Amino acid sequence: MARQTSSRTVLPTRRVSSGEAEAVCSEHHSGSGAAVEPLELPESQRMAEFFSVLADPTRLRLISLLAGSEFCVCDLAERLGVSESAVSHQLRALRGARLVRYRKEGRQVFYQLHDHHIVDLYGTVREHLAE
């Protein structure tokens, strides 16, 4: 017996090989994303790890500063109002995810975003949230 759900008819569930139930849609969806394949598990795991690095307000604040210019740790700490130790800790995580890179000038170390992709990602997310 079929049941009506919003604008489509869903047929009763059927058993699949893993023993789980699967709903069967009575419509054929050939035109909507049929060629799109899901991410492979290893790639989705790498992406999830990447986004988890961004899931920290202090790291995002660092990225916002570095999107405009390069800074040394002491300047970043002063502008964010946190300790240099805390900034260094967060920069280590951002470096590990290849979001920032550094250069040395004498004893000073200057940080900047790794490449234009990070600037683009930051700008796109900020723009999206402002809409």
C-alpha atoms as a PDB file:
ATOM      1  CA  MET A   1       0.000   0.000   0.000  1.00  0.00           C
ATOM      2  CA  ALA A   2       1.476   3.356  -1.067  1.00  0.00           C
ATOM      3  CA  ARG A   3       1.311   6.450   1.114  1.00  0.00           C
ATOM      4  CA  GLN A   4       1.260  10.079   0.038  1.00  0.00           C
ATOM      5  CA  THR A   5       4.057  12.299   1.416  1.00  0.00           C
ATOM      6  CA  SER A   6       3.967  15.965   0.370  1.00  0.00           C
ATOM      7  CA  SER A   7       4.058  15.896  -3.449  1.00  0.00           C
ATOM      8  CA  ARG A   8       5.329  12.370  -4.004  1.00  0.00           C
ATOM      9  CA  THR A   9       4.157   8.863  -3.367  1.00  0.00           C
ATOM     10  CA  VAL A  10       6.358   6.626  -1.237  1.00  0.00           C
ATOM     11  CA  LEU A  11       5.893   2.898  -1.617  1.00  0.00           C
ATOM     12  CA  PRO A  12       6.161   0.592   1.390  1.00  0.00           C
ATOM     13  CA  THR A  13       9.644  -0.172   2.667  1.00  0.00           C
ATOM     14  CA  ARG A  14      11.541  -3.169   1.441  1.00  0.00           C
ATOM     15  CA  ARG A  15      14.392  -5.101   2.982  1.00  0.00           C
ATOM     16  CA  VAL A  16      17.882  -4.561   1.614  1.00  0.00           C
ATOM     17  CA  SER A  17      20.803  -6.947   1.901  1.00  0.00           C
ATOM     18  CA  SER A  18      22.101  -5.442   5.158  1.00  0.00           C
ATOM     19  CA  GLY A  19      18.766  -6.125   6.840  1.00  0.00           C
ATOM     20  CA  GLU A  20      17.814  -2.439   7.078  1.00  0.00           C
ATOM     21  CA  ALA A  21      14.589  -1.072   5.656  1.00  0.00           C
ATOM     22  CA  GLU A  22      14.756   1.232   2.665  1.00  0.00           C
ATOM     23  CA  ALA A  23      11.947   3.521   1.468  1.00  0.00           C
ATOM     24  CA  VAL A  24      11.239   3.199  -2.228  1.00  0.00           C
ATOM     25  CA  CYS A  25      10.274   6.363  -4.072  1.00  0.00           C
ATOM     26  CA  SER A  26       7.778   5.874  -6.864  1.00  0.00           C
ATOM     27  CA  GLU A  27       9.211   8.746  -8.919  1.00  0.00           C
ATOM     28  CA  HIS A  28      12.218   8.494 -11.174  1.00  0.00           C
ATOM     29  CA  HIS A  29      14.785  11.221 -10.398  1.00  0.00           C
ATOM     30  CA  SER A  30      17.037  10.963 -13.437  1.00  0.00           C
ATOM     31  CA  GLY A  31      17.398  14.707 -13.947  1.00  0.00           C
ATOM     32  CA  SER A  32      18.236  15.752 -10.393  1.00  0.00           C
ATOM     33  CA  GLY A  33      21.807  14.888  -9.512  1.00  0.00           C
ATOM     34  CA  ALA A  34      21.848  11.390 -10.948  1.00  0.00           C
ATOM     35  CA  ALA A  35      25.489  11.794 -12.041  1.00  0.00           C
ATOM     36  CA  VAL A  36      26.644  13.013  -8.618  1.00  0.00           C
ATOM     37  CA  GLU A  37      28.395  10.412  -6.501  1.00  0.00           C
ATOM     38  CA  PRO A  38      28.897  10.715  -2.739  1.00  0.00           C
ATOM     39  CA  LEU A  39      32.356  11.436  -1.377  1.00  0.00           C
ATOM     40  CA  GLU A  40      34.462   8.397  -0.705  1.00  0.00           C
ATOM     41  CA  LEU A  41      34.837   7.761   3.023  1.00  0.00           C
ATOM     42  CA  PRO A  42      38.585   8.619   3.271  1.00  0.00           C
ATOM     43  CA  GLU A  43      38.046  11.965   1.530  1.00  0.00           C
ATOM     44  CA  SER A  44      35.017  12.794   3.681  1.00  0.00           C
ATOM     45  CA  GLN A  45      37.053  12.006   6.804  1.00  0.00           C
ATOM     46  CA  ARG A  46      39.888  14.333   5.691  1.00  0.00           C
ATOM     47  CA  MET A  47      37.374  17.087   4.966  1.00  0.00           C
ATOM     48  CA  ALA A  48      35.682  16.622   8.342  1.00  0.00           C
ATOM     49  CA  GLU A  49      39.053  16.916  10.082  1.00  0.00           C
ATOM     50  CA  PHE A  50      39.798  20.077   8.086  1.00  0.00           C
ATOM     51  CA  PHE A  51      36.482  21.672   9.053  1.00  0.00           C
ATOM     52  CA  SER A  52      36.905  20.643  12.690  1.00  0.00           C
ATOM     53  CA  VAL A  53      40.057  22.784  12.815  1.00  0.00           C
ATOM     54  CA  LEU A  54      37.902  25.738  11.759  1.00  0.00           C
ATOM     55  CA  ALA A  55      35.345  25.007  14.484  1.00  0.00           C
ATOM     56  CA  ASP A  56      37.108  27.202  17.032  1.00  0.00           C
ATOM     57  CA  PRO A  57      36.293  30.906  17.514  1.00  0.00           C
ATOM     58  CA  THR A  58      39.887  31.904  18.305  1.00  0.00           C
ATOM     59  CA  ARG A  59      41.190  30.177  15.171  1.00  0.00           C
ATOM     60  CA  LEU A  60      38.544  31.916  13.079  1.00  0.00           C
ATOM     61  CA  ARG A  61      39.521  35.257  14.605  1.00  0.00           C
ATOM     62  CA  LEU A  62      43.152  34.535  13.713  1.00  0.00           C
ATOM     63  CA  ILE A  63      42.126  33.704  10.151  1.00  0.00           C
ATOM     64  CA  SER A  64      40.150  36.953   9.953  1.00  0.00           C
ATOM     65  CA  LEU A  65      43.268  38.942  10.832  1.00  0.00           C
ATOM     66  CA  LEU A  66      45.554  36.920   8.578  1.00  0.00           C
ATOM     67  CA  ALA A  67      43.143  37.323   5.652  1.00  0.00           C
ATOM     68  CA  GLY A  68      44.254  40.949   5.462  1.00  0.00           C
ATOM     69  CA  SER A  69      47.951  40.808   6.277  1.00  0.00           C
ATOM     70  CA  GLU A  70      50.715  38.842   7.926  1.00  0.00           C
ATOM     71  CA  PHE A  71      51.399  39.214  11.635  1.00  0.00           C
ATOM     72  CA  CYS A  72      53.846  38.066  14.273  1.00  0.00           C
ATOM     73  CA  VAL A  73      52.572  36.173  17.321  1.00  0.00           C
ATOM     74  CA  CYS A  74      52.882  39.154  19.655  1.00  0.00           C
ATOM     75  CA  ASP A  75      50.795  41.386  17.362  1.00  0.00           C
ATOM     76  CA  LEU A  76      48.155  38.682  16.933  1.00  0.00           C
ATOM     77  CA  ALA A  77      47.972  38.189  20.704  1.00  0.00           C
ATOM     78  CA  GLU A  78      47.617  41.919  21.305  1.00  0.00           C
ATOM     79  CA  ARG A  79      44.879  42.374  18.706  1.00  0.00           C
ATOM     80  CA  LEU A  80      42.897  39.378  19.995  1.00  0.00           C
ATOM     81  CA  GLY A  81      43.460  40.125  23.663  1.00  0.00           C
ATOM     82  CA  VAL A  82      44.829  36.660  24.449  1.00  0.00           C
ATOM     83  CA  SER A  83      48.226  35.384  25.528  1.00  0.00           C
ATOM     84  CA  GLU A  84      51.037  34.711  23.071  1.00  0.00           C
ATOM     85  CA  SER A  85      51.039  31.125  24.308  1.00  0.00           C
ATOM     86  CA  ALA A  86      47.363  30.734  23.367  1.00  0.00           C
ATOM     87  CA  VAL A  87      47.985  32.246  19.932  1.00  0.00           C
ATOM     88  CA  SER A  88      50.966  29.947  19.345  1.00  0.00           C
ATOM     89  CA  HIS A  89      48.872  26.938  20.322  1.00  0.00           C
ATOM     90  CA  GLN A  90      46.118  27.879  17.869  1.00  0.00           C
ATOM     91  CA  LEU A  91      48.596  28.676  15.096  1.00  0.00           C
ATOM     92  CA  ARG A  92      50.125  25.223  15.536  1.00  0.00           C
ATOM     93  CA  ALA A  93      46.718  23.670  14.834  1.00  0.00           C
ATOM     94  CA  LEU A  94      46.200  25.936  11.810  1.00  0.00           C
ATOM     95  CA  ARG A  95      49.667  25.070  10.483  1.00  0.00           C
ATOM     96  CA  GLY A  96      48.935  21.371  10.898  1.00  0.00           C
ATOM     97  CA  ALA A  97      45.858  21.762   8.693  1.00  0.00           C
ATOM     98  CA  ARG A  98      47.876  23.785   6.156  1.00  0.00           C
ATOM     99  CA  LEU A  99      45.740  26.864   6.745  1.00  0.00           C
ATOM    100  CA  VAL A 100      48.638  29.129   7.710  1.00  0.00           C
ATOM    101  CA  ARG A 101      52.340  29.269   6.953  1.00  0.00           C
ATOM    102  CA  TYR A 102      55.170  31.251   8.431  1.00  0.00           C
ATOM    103  CA  ARG A 103      58.403  32.939   7.520  1.00  0.00           C
ATOM    104  CA  LYS A 104      61.272  33.948   9.753  1.00  0.00           C
ATOM    105  CA  GLU A 105      62.948  37.310   9.728  1.00  0.00           C
ATOM    106  CA  GLY A 106      65.779  37.172  12.227  1.00  0.00           C
ATOM    107  CA  ARG A 107      64.195  36.084  15.475  1.00  0.00           C
ATOM    108  CA  GLN A 108      60.718  37.221  14.441  1.00  0.00           C
ATOM    109  CA  VAL A 109      58.238  34.765  12.955  1.00  0.00           C
ATOM    110  CA  PHE A 110      55.493  36.129  10.716  1.00  0.00           C
ATOM    111  CA  TYR A 111      52.317  34.199   9.901  1.00  0.00           C
ATOM    112  CA  GLN A 112      50.054  34.463   6.876  1.00  0.00           C
ATOM    113  CA  LEU A 113      47.308  32.371   5.339  1.00  0.00           C
ATOM    114  CA  HIS A 114      48.650  29.439   3.392  1.00  0.00           C
ATOM    115  CA  ASP A 115      47.191  30.421   0.018  1.00  0.00           C
ATOM    116  CA  HIS A 116      44.322  32.157  -1.763  1.00  0.00           C
ATOM    117  CA  HIS A 117      42.007  29.154  -1.234  1.00  0.00           C
ATOM    118  CA  ILE A 118      41.878  29.884   2.485  1.00  0.00           C
ATOM    119  CA  VAL A 119      41.125  33.567   1.846  1.00  0.00           C
ATOM    120  CA  ASP A 120      38.386  32.546  -0.609  1.00  0.00           C
ATOM    121  CA  LEU A 121      36.890  30.028   1.841  1.00  0.00           C
ATOM    122  CA  TYR A 122      36.901  32.585   4.656  1.00  0.00           C
ATOM    123  CA  GLY A 123      35.320  35.252   2.431  1.00  0.00           C
ATOM    124  CA  THR A 124      32.677  32.906   1.064  1.00  0.00           C
ATOM    125  CA  VAL A 125      31.573  31.693   4.500  1.00  0.00           C
ATOM    126  CA  ARG A 126      31.505  35.220   5.896  1.00  0.00           C
ATOM    127  CA  GLU A 127      29.449  36.437   2.937  1.00  0.00           C
ATOM    128  CA  HIS A 128      27.068  33.489   3.230  1.00  0.00           C
ATOM    129  CA  LEU A 129      26.423  34.181   6.907  1.00  0.00           C
ATOM    130  CA  ALA A 130      25.840  37.879   6.231  1.00  0.00           C
ATOM    131  CA  GLU A 131      22.978  37.148   3.781  1.00  0.00           C
END
